[in-house]
Amino acid sequence: MNHGLSEQAAAVLAAMSAGAPGTFTATVRTLTAITAAHERGTVPSGASPVDQWGDVFDLDVPGRPVLVEWFAGDPESVTFTRITWLEAAP
């Protein structure tokens, strides 16, 4: 099983790890749950398809202002394409 991160997703995770470690931890746990589900041939509860072919899904990180999007069209790999972090305004 191959796993990948887009440059955008990696940049958001890097910023999150520096500025919001609790949110980073919750997001990594969600990425792990998504990967485990994909390896079983499923998607986690609460995931929604976001394209017309059912290859791209998104899922909220529980209790955090974060949305994870991933490509699941290949049964041998999962790629996290976008992580949206809705930071609180200062």
C-alpha atoms as a PDB file:
ATOM      1  CA  MET A   1       0.000   0.000   0.000  1.00  0.00           C
ATOM      2  CA  ASN A   2       1.354   3.399  -1.012  1.00  0.00           C
ATOM      3  CA  HIS A   3       0.498   6.618   0.801  1.00  0.00           C
ATOM      4  CA  GLY A   4       1.089  10.160  -0.363  1.00  0.00           C
ATOM      5  CA  LEU A   5       0.617  13.804   0.536  1.00  0.00           C
ATOM      6  CA  SER A   6       0.221  16.674  -1.861  1.00  0.00           C
ATOM      7  CA  GLU A   7       2.535  19.639  -1.354  1.00  0.00           C
ATOM      8  CA  GLN A   8      -0.450  21.625  -0.075  1.00  0.00           C
ATOM      9  CA  ALA A   9      -1.362  18.973   2.491  1.00  0.00           C
ATOM     10  CA  ALA A  10       2.247  18.698   3.664  1.00  0.00           C
ATOM     11  CA  ALA A  11       2.528  22.485   4.045  1.00  0.00           C
ATOM     12  CA  VAL A  12      -0.650  22.671   6.117  1.00  0.00           C
ATOM     13  CA  LEU A  13       0.532  19.825   8.354  1.00  0.00           C
ATOM     14  CA  ALA A  14       3.879  21.574   8.861  1.00  0.00           C
ATOM     15  CA  ALA A  15       2.195  24.853   9.840  1.00  0.00           C
ATOM     16  CA  MET A  16      -0.242  23.009  12.066  1.00  0.00           C
ATOM     17  CA  SER A  17       2.508  21.094  13.886  1.00  0.00           C
ATOM     18  CA  ALA A  18       4.229  24.391  14.728  1.00  0.00           C
ATOM     19  CA  GLY A  19       1.150  26.422  15.614  1.00  0.00           C
ATOM     20  CA  ALA A  20      -1.479  23.992  16.874  1.00  0.00           C
ATOM     21  CA  PRO A  21      -0.030  20.713  18.118  1.00  0.00           C
ATOM     22  CA  GLY A  22      -3.380  19.404  19.402  1.00  0.00           C
ATOM     23  CA  THR A  23      -5.008  19.984  16.038  1.00  0.00           C
ATOM     24  CA  PHE A  24      -1.999  18.406  14.309  1.00  0.00           C
ATOM     25  CA  THR A  25      -2.313  15.281  16.485  1.00  0.00           C
ATOM     26  CA  ALA A  26      -6.051  14.988  15.813  1.00  0.00           C
ATOM     27  CA  THR A  27      -5.448  15.414  12.076  1.00  0.00           C
ATOM     28  CA  VAL A  28      -2.738  12.740  11.991  1.00  0.00           C
ATOM     29  CA  ARG A  29      -5.097  10.370  13.807  1.00  0.00           C
ATOM     30  CA  THR A  30      -7.728  11.057  11.160  1.00  0.00           C
ATOM     31  CA  LEU A  31      -5.208  10.429   8.362  1.00  0.00           C
ATOM     32  CA  THR A  32      -4.353   7.123  10.035  1.00  0.00           C
ATOM     33  CA  ALA A  33      -8.044   6.159  10.249  1.00  0.00           C
ATOM     34  CA  ILE A  34      -8.562   7.026   6.581  1.00  0.00           C
ATOM     35  CA  THR A  35      -5.540   4.943   5.579  1.00  0.00           C
ATOM     36  CA  ALA A  36      -6.670   1.969   7.660  1.00  0.00           C
ATOM     37  CA  ALA A  37     -10.157   2.124   6.153  1.00  0.00           C
ATOM     38  CA  HIS A  38      -8.717   2.350   2.632  1.00  0.00           C
ATOM     39  CA  GLU A  39      -6.575  -0.718   3.276  1.00  0.00           C
ATOM     40  CA  ARG A  40      -9.795  -2.568   4.198  1.00  0.00           C
ATOM     41  CA  GLY A  41     -11.470  -1.310   1.008  1.00  0.00           C
ATOM     42  CA  THR A  42     -13.822   1.095   2.778  1.00  0.00           C
ATOM     43  CA  VAL A  43     -14.003   4.741   3.830  1.00  0.00           C
ATOM     44  CA  PRO A  44     -14.430   5.983   7.403  1.00  0.00           C
ATOM     45  CA  SER A  45     -17.873   6.770   8.751  1.00  0.00           C
ATOM     46  CA  GLY A  46     -18.812  10.344   7.917  1.00  0.00           C
ATOM     47  CA  ALA A  47     -16.745  10.539   4.721  1.00  0.00           C
ATOM     48  CA  SER A  48     -18.441  12.087   1.702  1.00  0.00           C
ATOM     49  CA  PRO A  49     -17.608  11.656  -1.989  1.00  0.00           C
ATOM     50  CA  VAL A  50     -16.767  14.995  -3.604  1.00  0.00           C
ATOM     51  CA  ASP A  51     -16.428  14.050  -7.264  1.00  0.00           C
ATOM     52  CA  GLN A  52     -18.757  12.469  -9.784  1.00  0.00           C
ATOM     53  CA  TRP A  53     -16.792   9.198  -9.950  1.00  0.00           C
ATOM     54  CA  GLY A  54     -16.583   8.517  -6.215  1.00  0.00           C
ATOM     55  CA  ASP A  55     -12.774   8.583  -6.200  1.00  0.00           C
ATOM     56  CA  VAL A  56     -12.270  11.667  -4.016  1.00  0.00           C
ATOM     57  CA  PHE A  57     -13.634  11.921  -0.484  1.00  0.00           C
ATOM     58  CA  ASP A  58     -13.562  14.406   2.342  1.00  0.00           C
ATOM     59  CA  LEU A  59     -13.927  14.044   6.093  1.00  0.00           C
ATOM     60  CA  ASP A  60     -13.991  16.461   9.012  1.00  0.00           C
ATOM     61  CA  VAL A  61     -11.417  15.958  11.749  1.00  0.00           C
ATOM     62  CA  PRO A  62     -13.530  15.335  14.870  1.00  0.00           C
ATOM     63  CA  GLY A  63     -13.640  18.363  17.148  1.00  0.00           C
ATOM     64  CA  ARG A  64     -11.245  20.428  15.017  1.00  0.00           C
ATOM     65  CA  PRO A  65     -11.755  23.018  12.265  1.00  0.00           C
ATOM     66  CA  VAL A  66     -10.068  20.784   9.680  1.00  0.00           C
ATOM     67  CA  LEU A  67     -11.304  19.059   6.530  1.00  0.00           C
ATOM     68  CA  VAL A  68      -9.220  16.313   4.890  1.00  0.00           C
ATOM     69  CA  GLU A  69      -9.638  15.410   1.212  1.00  0.00           C
ATOM     70  CA  TRP A  70      -8.118  12.324  -0.387  1.00  0.00           C
ATOM     71  CA  PHE A  71      -8.024  10.363  -3.634  1.00  0.00           C
ATOM     72  CA  ALA A  72      -9.034   6.738  -3.221  1.00  0.00           C
ATOM     73  CA  GLY A  73      -9.448   5.645  -6.839  1.00  0.00           C
ATOM     74  CA  ASP A  74      -6.510   3.240  -6.705  1.00  0.00           C
ATOM     75  CA  PRO A  75      -6.963   0.261  -4.370  1.00  0.00           C
ATOM     76  CA  GLU A  76      -3.187   0.084  -3.870  1.00  0.00           C
ATOM     77  CA  SER A  77      -2.654   3.712  -2.809  1.00  0.00           C
ATOM     78  CA  VAL A  78      -4.227   6.627  -0.998  1.00  0.00           C
ATOM     79  CA  THR A  79      -3.194  10.243  -1.589  1.00  0.00           C
ATOM     80  CA  PHE A  80      -4.150  13.090   0.713  1.00  0.00           C
ATOM     81  CA  THR A  81      -4.809  15.850  -1.786  1.00  0.00           C
ATOM     82  CA  ARG A  82      -5.897  18.745   0.416  1.00  0.00           C
ATOM     83  CA  ILE A  83      -6.115  19.652   4.073  1.00  0.00           C
ATOM     84  CA  THR A  84      -8.217  22.707   4.862  1.00  0.00           C
ATOM     85  CA  TRP A  85      -7.508  24.253   8.249  1.00  0.00           C
ATOM     86  CA  LEU A  86      -9.951  26.935   9.263  1.00  0.00           C
ATOM     87  CA  GLU A  87      -7.854  28.782  11.788  1.00  0.00           C
ATOM     88  CA  ALA A  88      -9.602  31.029  14.299  1.00  0.00           C
ATOM     89  CA  ALA A  89      -9.320  34.729  13.518  1.00  0.00           C
ATOM     90  CA  PRO A  90      -6.925  36.632  15.821  1.00  0.00           C
END
